[in-house]
C-alpha atoms as a PDB file:
ATOM      1  CA  MET A   1    -118.380 144.867 178.924  1.00  0.00           C
ATOM      2  CA  SER A   2    -115.601 142.332 179.453  1.00  0.00           C
ATOM      3  CA  ILE A   3    -113.033 142.256 182.218  1.00  0.00           C
ATOM      4  CA  GLU A   4    -109.694 143.685 181.068  1.00  0.00           C
ATOM      5  CA  SER A   5    -106.568 141.536 180.882  1.00  0.00           C
ATOM      6  CA  VAL A   6    -103.830 142.406 183.352  1.00  0.00           C
ATOM      7  CA  LEU A   7    -101.780 143.938 180.525  1.00  0.00           C
ATOM      8  CA  LEU A   8    -104.597 146.162 179.301  1.00  0.00           C
ATOM      9  CA  PHE A   9    -105.526 147.150 182.861  1.00  0.00           C
ATOM     10  CA  ALA A  10    -101.894 148.152 183.553  1.00  0.00           C
ATOM     11  CA  GLN A  11    -101.707 150.169 180.341  1.00  0.00           C
ATOM     12  CA  ARG A  12    -104.938 152.025 181.077  1.00  0.00           C
ATOM     13  CA  LYS A  13    -103.746 152.963 184.566  1.00  0.00           C
ATOM     14  CA  VAL A  14    -100.499 154.309 183.107  1.00  0.00           C
ATOM     15  CA  GLU A  15    -102.444 156.239 180.440  1.00  0.00           C
ATOM     16  CA  ALA A  16    -104.487 157.882 183.196  1.00  0.00           C
ATOM     17  CA  CYS A  17    -101.352 158.831 185.124  1.00  0.00           C
ATOM     18  CA  LEU A  18     -98.871 160.151 182.539  1.00  0.00           C
ATOM     19  CA  LYS A  19     -98.927 163.425 180.652  1.00  0.00           C
ATOM     20  CA  LEU A  20     -96.803 165.075 177.976  1.00  0.00           C
ATOM     21  CA  GLY A  21     -93.363 166.004 179.280  1.00  0.00           C
ATOM     22  CA  ASP A  22     -93.266 163.369 182.043  1.00  0.00           C
ATOM     23  CA  ILE A  23     -90.430 160.973 182.822  1.00  0.00           C
ATOM     24  CA  ALA A  24     -91.270 157.268 182.548  1.00  0.00           C
ATOM     25  CA  ILE A  25     -89.374 153.988 182.840  1.00  0.00           C
ATOM     26  CA  ASP A  26     -89.835 150.673 181.075  1.00  0.00           C
ATOM     27  CA  ALA A  27     -87.910 148.458 183.495  1.00  0.00           C
ATOM     28  CA  THR A  28     -88.140 145.398 181.207  1.00  0.00           C
ATOM     29  CA  VAL A  29     -88.169 146.498 177.549  1.00  0.00           C
ATOM     30  CA  GLY A  30     -88.834 143.036 176.097  1.00  0.00           C
ATOM     31  CA  GLN A  31     -90.410 143.560 172.680  1.00  0.00           C
ATOM     32  CA  GLY A  32     -91.017 147.254 173.320  1.00  0.00           C
ATOM     33  CA  LYS A  33     -94.804 147.402 173.705  1.00  0.00           C
ATOM     34  CA  ASP A  34     -94.671 149.286 177.000  1.00  0.00           C
ATOM     35  CA  THR A  35     -91.786 151.461 175.780  1.00  0.00           C
ATOM     36  CA  LEU A  36     -93.913 152.515 172.806  1.00  0.00           C
ATOM     37  CA  LEU A  37     -96.898 153.267 175.028  1.00  0.00           C
ATOM     38  CA  LEU A  38     -94.765 155.342 177.404  1.00  0.00           C
ATOM     39  CA  ALA A  39     -93.115 157.236 174.521  1.00  0.00           C
ATOM     40  CA  ARG A  40     -96.505 158.109 173.040  1.00  0.00           C
ATOM     41  CA  LEU A  41     -97.791 159.315 176.405  1.00  0.00           C
ATOM     42  CA  VAL A  42     -94.822 161.525 177.371  1.00  0.00           C
ATOM     43  CA  GLY A  43     -94.232 162.746 173.806  1.00  0.00           C
ATOM     44  CA  GLU A  44     -91.113 164.442 172.506  1.00  0.00           C
ATOM     45  CA  GLN A  45     -91.119 166.734 175.538  1.00  0.00           C
ATOM     46  CA  GLY A  46     -90.756 163.805 177.968  1.00  0.00           C
ATOM     47  CA  THR A  47     -88.192 161.082 178.490  1.00  0.00           C
ATOM     48  CA  VAL A  48     -88.523 157.309 178.586  1.00  0.00           C
ATOM     49  CA  TYR A  49     -85.754 155.150 180.031  1.00  0.00           C
ATOM     50  CA  GLY A  50     -85.863 151.609 178.645  1.00  0.00           C
ATOM     51  CA  PHE A  51     -83.956 148.907 180.542  1.00  0.00           C
ATOM     52  CA  ASP A  52     -83.170 145.378 179.395  1.00  0.00           C
ATOM     53  CA  ILE A  53     -80.219 143.031 179.895  1.00  0.00           C
ATOM     54  CA  GLN A  54     -80.603 141.587 176.400  1.00  0.00           C
ATOM     55  CA  LYS A  55     -79.342 143.615 173.449  1.00  0.00           C
ATOM     56  CA  GLU A  56     -81.753 141.621 171.239  1.00  0.00           C
ATOM     57  CA  ALA A  57     -84.687 143.028 173.210  1.00  0.00           C
ATOM     58  CA  ILE A  58     -83.462 146.578 172.820  1.00  0.00           C
ATOM     59  CA  ALA A  59     -82.865 146.047 169.079  1.00  0.00           C
ATOM     60  CA  ILE A  60     -86.411 144.674 168.614  1.00  0.00           C
ATOM     61  CA  ALA A  61     -87.888 147.587 170.572  1.00  0.00           C
ATOM     62  CA  GLN A  62     -85.817 150.207 168.732  1.00  0.00           C
ATOM     63  CA  LYS A  63     -86.962 148.818 165.372  1.00  0.00           C
ATOM     64  CA  LYS A  64     -90.599 148.827 166.491  1.00  0.00           C
ATOM     65  CA  LEU A  65     -90.389 152.407 167.722  1.00  0.00           C
ATOM     66  CA  ASN A  66     -88.516 153.629 164.640  1.00  0.00           C
ATOM     67  CA  GLU A  67     -91.279 152.155 162.449  1.00  0.00           C
ATOM     68  CA  THR A  68     -94.076 153.605 164.583  1.00  0.00           C
ATOM     69  CA  LEU A  69     -93.031 156.996 165.962  1.00  0.00           C
ATOM     70  CA  ASP A  70     -91.891 160.119 164.146  1.00  0.00           C
ATOM     71  CA  TYR A  71     -89.466 160.791 166.992  1.00  0.00           C
ATOM     72  CA  ASN A  72     -87.103 158.616 169.017  1.00  0.00           C
ATOM     73  CA  GLY A  73     -84.990 161.222 170.784  1.00  0.00           C
ATOM     74  CA  SER A  74     -87.030 161.049 173.960  1.00  0.00           C
ATOM     75  CA  ILE A  75     -86.039 157.399 174.589  1.00  0.00           C
ATOM     76  CA  ARG A  76     -82.860 156.438 176.430  1.00  0.00           C
ATOM     77  CA  TRP A  77     -81.944 152.770 175.869  1.00  0.00           C
ATOM     78  CA  ILE A  78     -80.016 151.144 178.707  1.00  0.00           C
ATOM     79  CA  GLU A  79     -78.620 147.632 178.283  1.00  0.00           C
ATOM     80  CA  ARG A  80     -78.503 146.895 181.983  1.00  0.00           C
ATOM     81  CA  SER A  81     -80.601 145.274 184.690  1.00  0.00           C
ATOM     82  CA  HIS A  82     -83.509 147.163 186.203  1.00  0.00           C
ATOM     83  CA  ALA A  83     -81.649 146.756 189.498  1.00  0.00           C
ATOM     84  CA  TYR A  84     -79.623 149.812 188.385  1.00  0.00           C
ATOM     85  CA  ILE A  85     -82.500 152.162 187.615  1.00  0.00           C
ATOM     86  CA  LYS A  86     -81.511 154.708 190.228  1.00  0.00           C
ATOM     87  CA  GLU A  87     -77.852 154.751 189.167  1.00  0.00           C
ATOM     88  CA  GLU A  88     -78.733 155.267 185.491  1.00  0.00           C
ATOM     89  CA  LEU A  89     -81.223 158.116 185.894  1.00  0.00           C
ATOM     90  CA  PRO A  90     -80.028 161.682 186.498  1.00  0.00           C
ATOM     91  CA  SER A  91     -80.243 162.665 190.166  1.00  0.00           C
ATOM     92  CA  GLU A  92     -82.771 165.395 189.341  1.00  0.00           C
ATOM     93  CA  SER A  93     -85.195 162.643 188.268  1.00  0.00           C
ATOM     94  CA  GLN A  94     -85.675 161.534 191.878  1.00  0.00           C
ATOM     95  CA  GLY A  95     -89.235 162.317 192.906  1.00  0.00           C
ATOM     96  CA  HIS A  96     -90.265 163.212 189.331  1.00  0.00           C
ATOM     97  CA  VAL A  97     -90.968 159.895 187.570  1.00  0.00           C
ATOM     98  CA  GLY A  98     -94.613 159.472 186.551  1.00  0.00           C
ATOM     99  CA  ALA A  99     -94.692 155.739 185.805  1.00  0.00           C
ATOM    100  CA  VAL A 100     -92.514 152.640 185.913  1.00  0.00           C
ATOM    101  CA  MET A 101     -93.607 149.457 184.130  1.00  0.00           C
ATOM    102  CA  PHE A 102     -92.271 145.958 184.901  1.00  0.00           C
ATOM    103  CA  ASN A 103     -93.159 142.777 182.976  1.00  0.00           C
ATOM    104  CA  LEU A 104     -91.405 139.969 184.786  1.00  0.00           C
ATOM    105  CA  GLY A 105     -90.334 136.648 183.310  1.00  0.00           C
ATOM    106  CA  TYR A 106     -88.530 136.058 180.008  1.00  0.00           C
ATOM    107  CA  LEU A 107     -88.419 137.564 176.531  1.00  0.00           C
ATOM    108  CA  PRO A 108     -90.956 135.636 174.416  1.00  0.00           C
ATOM    109  CA  GLY A 109     -89.315 133.831 171.509  1.00  0.00           C
ATOM    110  CA  PHE A 110     -85.883 133.810 173.133  1.00  0.00           C
ATOM    111  CA  ASP A 111     -84.063 131.884 175.881  1.00  0.00           C
ATOM    112  CA  HIS A 112     -86.677 130.908 178.491  1.00  0.00           C
ATOM    113  CA  MET A 113     -83.917 130.250 181.005  1.00  0.00           C
ATOM    114  CA  LEU A 114     -82.899 133.926 180.956  1.00  0.00           C
ATOM    115  CA  VAL A 115     -85.491 135.306 183.371  1.00  0.00           C
ATOM    116  CA  THR A 116     -85.940 138.116 185.846  1.00  0.00           C
ATOM    117  CA  LYS A 117     -84.781 137.219 189.356  1.00  0.00           C
ATOM    118  CA  PRO A 118     -86.138 138.161 192.788  1.00  0.00           C
ATOM    119  CA  ALA A 119     -83.019 140.025 193.988  1.00  0.00           C
ATOM    120  CA  SER A 120     -82.670 142.294 190.948  1.00  0.00           C
ATOM    121  CA  THR A 121     -86.426 142.825 190.689  1.00  0.00           C
ATOM    122  CA  ILE A 122     -86.737 143.896 194.318  1.00  0.00           C
ATOM    123  CA  ALA A 123     -83.722 146.209 193.891  1.00  0.00           C
ATOM    124  CA  GLY A 124     -85.426 147.741 190.851  1.00  0.00           C
ATOM    125  CA  LEU A 125     -88.711 148.147 192.699  1.00  0.00           C
ATOM    126  CA  GLU A 126     -86.961 149.788 195.661  1.00  0.00           C
ATOM    127  CA  ALA A 127     -85.327 152.275 193.297  1.00  0.00           C
ATOM    128  CA  ALA A 128     -88.608 152.880 191.473  1.00  0.00           C
ATOM    129  CA  VAL A 129     -90.527 153.895 194.607  1.00  0.00           C
ATOM    130  CA  GLN A 130     -87.792 156.405 195.434  1.00  0.00           C
ATOM    131  CA  LEU A 131     -88.003 157.942 191.957  1.00  0.00           C
ATOM    132  CA  LEU A 132     -91.809 158.264 191.800  1.00  0.00           C
ATOM    133  CA  ARG A 133     -93.510 161.627 192.015  1.00  0.00           C
ATOM    134  CA  GLN A 134     -96.688 162.073 194.036  1.00  0.00           C
ATOM    135  CA  GLY A 135     -99.467 160.334 192.089  1.00  0.00           C
ATOM    136  CA  GLY A 136     -96.931 158.293 190.102  1.00  0.00           C
ATOM    137  CA  ILE A 137     -97.424 154.548 189.657  1.00  0.00           C
ATOM    138  CA  ILE A 138     -95.514 151.325 189.253  1.00  0.00           C
ATOM    139  CA  THR A 139     -97.139 148.468 187.339  1.00  0.00           C
ATOM    140  CA  ILE A 140     -95.739 144.978 187.853  1.00  0.00           C
ATOM    141  CA  VAL A 141     -97.035 142.190 185.605  1.00  0.00           C
ATOM    142  CA  VAL A 142     -95.920 138.921 187.204  1.00  0.00           C
ATOM    143  CA  TYR A 143     -95.761 135.743 185.127  1.00  0.00           C
ATOM    144  CA  THR A 144     -95.586 132.462 187.041  1.00  0.00           C
ATOM    145  CA  GLY A 145     -95.196 129.789 184.360  1.00  0.00           C
ATOM    146  CA  HIS A 146     -91.394 129.517 184.261  1.00  0.00           C
ATOM    147  CA  GLN A 147     -88.678 128.157 186.519  1.00  0.00           C
ATOM    148  CA  GLY A 148     -88.132 130.357 189.581  1.00  0.00           C
ATOM    149  CA  ALA A 149     -91.258 132.407 188.907  1.00  0.00           C
ATOM    150  CA  HIS A 150     -93.061 131.496 192.125  1.00  0.00           C
ATOM    151  CA  GLU A 151     -90.123 132.657 194.247  1.00  0.00           C
ATOM    152  CA  GLU A 152     -90.079 135.958 192.394  1.00  0.00           C
ATOM    153  CA  ALA A 153     -93.874 136.308 192.653  1.00  0.00           C
ATOM    154  CA  ASP A 154     -93.733 135.692 196.408  1.00  0.00           C
ATOM    155  CA  ALA A 155     -90.918 138.224 196.837  1.00  0.00           C
ATOM    156  CA  VAL A 156     -92.791 140.889 194.849  1.00  0.00           C
ATOM    157  CA  GLN A 157     -96.038 140.320 196.740  1.00  0.00           C
ATOM    158  CA  GLN A 158     -94.256 140.483 200.091  1.00  0.00           C
ATOM    159  CA  TRP A 159     -92.387 143.643 199.063  1.00  0.00           C
ATOM    160  CA  ALA A 160     -95.619 145.324 197.915  1.00  0.00           C
ATOM    161  CA  ALA A 161     -97.579 144.264 201.008  1.00  0.00           C
ATOM    162  CA  ASN A 162     -94.927 145.838 203.238  1.00  0.00           C
ATOM    163  CA  LEU A 163     -95.001 149.283 201.620  1.00  0.00           C
ATOM    164  CA  PRO A 164     -96.153 151.909 204.143  1.00  0.00           C
ATOM    165  CA  GLN A 165     -99.893 152.540 203.783  1.00  0.00           C
ATOM    166  CA  LYS A 166     -99.489 156.254 204.552  1.00  0.00           C
ATOM    167  CA  GLN A 167     -97.216 156.682 201.517  1.00  0.00           C
ATOM    168  CA  PHE A 168     -98.525 154.137 198.993  1.00  0.00           C
ATOM    169  CA  ASP A 169    -101.696 152.475 197.772  1.00  0.00           C
ATOM    170  CA  VAL A 170    -101.151 148.928 196.490  1.00  0.00           C
ATOM    171  CA  LEU A 171    -103.594 146.981 194.315  1.00  0.00           C
ATOM    172  CA  SER A 172    -103.481 143.331 193.230  1.00  0.00           C
ATOM    173  CA  TYR A 173    -105.424 142.430 190.091  1.00  0.00           C
ATOM    174  CA  HIS A 174    -105.701 138.821 189.015  1.00  0.00           C
ATOM    175  CA  PHE A 175    -107.988 136.170 187.597  1.00  0.00           C
ATOM    176  CA  ILE A 176    -108.626 133.376 190.081  1.00  0.00           C
ATOM    177  CA  ASN A 177    -110.348 130.809 187.850  1.00  0.00           C
ATOM    178  CA  GLN A 178    -107.870 130.567 184.954  1.00  0.00           C
ATOM    179  CA  LYS A 179    -105.557 127.629 184.296  1.00  0.00           C
ATOM    180  CA  ASN A 180    -101.970 127.510 183.027  1.00  0.00           C
ATOM    181  CA  HIS A 181    -100.390 130.091 185.324  1.00  0.00           C
ATOM    182  CA  PRO A 182    -102.161 133.323 184.342  1.00  0.00           C
ATOM    183  CA  PRO A 183    -100.150 136.480 185.042  1.00  0.00           C
ATOM    184  CA  PHE A 184    -101.222 138.855 187.766  1.00  0.00           C
ATOM    185  CA  LEU A 185    -100.728 142.564 188.247  1.00  0.00           C
ATOM    186  CA  ILE A 186     -99.620 144.659 191.179  1.00  0.00           C
ATOM    187  CA  ILE A 187     -99.984 148.443 190.988  1.00  0.00           C
ATOM    188  CA  VAL A 188     -98.266 150.773 193.434  1.00  0.00           C
ATOM    189  CA  GLU A 189     -99.338 154.421 193.592  1.00  0.00           C
ATOM    190  CA  LYS A 190     -97.430 157.023 195.574  1.00  0.00           C
ATOM    191  CA  LYS A 191     -99.729 159.235 197.657  1.00  0.00           C
END
């Protein structure tokens, strides 16, 4: 048995958490892999909110989902920063979101200077913890190989470490012997 990559580990934790009819958020749509996973897990009965600041990312993800799923009505595409998650979701969603997935960094194959930033990421994470239901999780895949990435990684780790232990469990999952800035994962579960 091999050790799972941070991406696979995050996906498996989300699979264990979500059920048909749930609400889920892809905070960084990118190429749509997490959006597709979330849509499959919540089904037509659930809702996925997909956030990205790049219309190219949303177009790529929409195409992928249209080619893969028989339904697309359960996905709400939002061309806006994840900093505005709370403002974009209906108020009745607060306390009912099953999973929120973040993949920080840049959109592969596009402008590497257009990256997630600490301030908007922390704002998105703050909103996400408020929206989570009991037993809901946030997965944060942090890439550190681009400009400004270490500042964002430090901010995310500090934010996660300061979450109240009585309300949240926080896990860090990373490989410590890999070169070339391997990503790491932080998972937050609401008790």
